[in-house]
Amino acid sequence: MKIAVHYMAQLRQAAGVAAEDVELDGGSLGELVALLVERHAALRRLLVTSGGAPQPTLLVFVGDEQADVGRGTLKDGDAVTLLSPIRRG
């Protein structure tokens, strides 16, 4: 399925793009995050913990609705927006 991914704030800088379309075999937000970490190594620390779980501060929206990475599902054509609060220090 084709998913439009939009990166906000520091995720945009780490990914090197503001948005991209990705082909996803599965249908979960967790699978999408795993794919994005594989594609963009600089996103790893912003999207997942050292144990591989989604960062607890990560905000994910599917369309206009906030979604839970651990439980969210996707369908073909969805637009996903990722936002991570800026860390200082």
Protein backbone atom coordinates (compact mmCIF):
# COMPACT_ATOMS: atom_id res chain seq x y z
CA MET A 1 0.00 0.00 0.00
CA LYS A 2 1.10 3.57 -0.61
CA ILE A 3 1.39 5.91 2.40
CA ALA A 4 2.23 9.64 2.31
CA VAL A 5 4.55 10.53 5.18
CA HIS A 6 4.98 14.14 6.32
CA TYR A 7 7.83 15.05 8.68
CA MET A 8 7.57 18.02 11.01
CA ALA A 9 10.22 20.02 12.95
CA GLN A 10 13.43 18.11 13.70
CA LEU A 11 12.16 14.94 11.98
CA ARG A 12 12.10 16.87 8.70
CA GLN A 13 15.72 17.84 9.16
CA ALA A 14 16.79 14.31 10.14
CA ALA A 15 14.96 12.70 7.21
CA GLY A 16 16.32 15.26 4.76
CA VAL A 17 12.87 15.65 3.19
CA ALA A 18 9.61 17.30 4.21
CA ALA A 19 7.49 14.47 2.84
CA GLU A 20 7.73 11.24 0.92
CA ASP A 21 5.55 8.43 -0.35
CA VAL A 22 6.43 4.96 0.88
CA GLU A 23 5.27 1.49 -0.11
CA LEU A 24 4.33 -0.52 2.95
CA ASP A 25 3.68 -4.27 2.92
CA GLY A 26 1.90 -4.38 6.28
CA GLY A 27 -0.82 -2.18 7.64
CA SER A 28 0.36 -0.99 11.04
CA LEU A 29 1.93 2.25 12.20
CA GLY A 30 4.62 0.20 13.94
CA GLU A 31 5.62 -1.33 10.61
CA LEU A 32 5.73 2.12 9.05
CA VAL A 33 8.01 3.44 11.80
CA ALA A 34 10.31 0.41 11.38
CA LEU A 35 10.51 1.03 7.62
CA LEU A 36 11.31 4.72 8.12
CA VAL A 37 14.10 3.88 10.57
CA GLU A 38 15.58 1.51 7.96
CA ARG A 39 15.36 4.18 5.25
CA HIS A 40 16.72 7.08 7.30
CA ALA A 41 19.31 6.14 9.92
CA ALA A 42 19.23 9.68 11.33
CA LEU A 43 15.60 9.15 12.35
CA ARG A 44 16.37 6.18 14.61
CA ARG A 45 16.98 8.08 17.87
CA LEU A 46 13.98 10.33 17.23
CA LEU A 47 11.49 7.58 16.36
CA VAL A 48 12.50 4.62 18.52
CA THR A 49 14.15 3.93 21.87
CA SER A 50 17.41 1.98 22.17
CA GLY A 51 15.24 -1.12 22.67
CA GLY A 52 13.37 -0.50 19.42
CA ALA A 53 10.06 0.63 20.94
CA PRO A 54 8.43 3.82 19.64
CA GLN A 55 9.63 6.95 21.44
CA PRO A 56 7.00 7.84 24.05
CA THR A 57 7.12 11.51 22.97
CA LEU A 58 6.49 10.75 19.30
CA LEU A 59 3.25 12.27 18.00
CA VAL A 60 1.64 10.52 15.04
CA PHE A 61 -1.39 11.65 13.07
CA VAL A 62 -3.24 9.66 10.44
CA GLY A 63 -5.10 12.29 8.49
CA ASP A 64 -6.30 14.73 11.14
CA GLU A 65 -6.56 12.17 13.96
CA GLN A 66 -3.85 11.44 16.50
CA ALA A 67 -2.93 7.76 16.48
CA ASP A 68 -1.15 5.30 18.76
CA VAL A 69 1.92 3.80 17.07
CA GLY A 70 1.45 0.53 18.96
CA ARG A 71 -2.17 0.07 17.88
CA GLY A 72 -2.70 2.24 14.83
CA THR A 73 -3.55 0.71 11.49
CA LEU A 74 -3.21 2.14 8.01
CA LYS A 75 -4.97 1.79 4.70
CA ASP A 76 -3.82 2.53 1.19
CA GLY A 77 -3.62 6.27 0.52
CA ASP A 78 -3.40 7.37 4.17
CA ALA A 79 -1.38 10.48 5.03
CA VAL A 80 0.74 10.16 8.17
CA THR A 81 2.31 13.14 9.91
CA LEU A 82 5.16 12.60 12.39
CA LEU A 83 6.18 15.13 15.02
CA SER A 84 8.78 14.81 17.75
CA PRO A 85 9.17 17.46 20.44
CA ILE A 86 12.47 19.29 20.22
CA ARG A 87 15.01 18.11 22.78
CA ARG A 88 17.37 20.62 24.22
CA GLY A 89 20.79 19.94 25.59
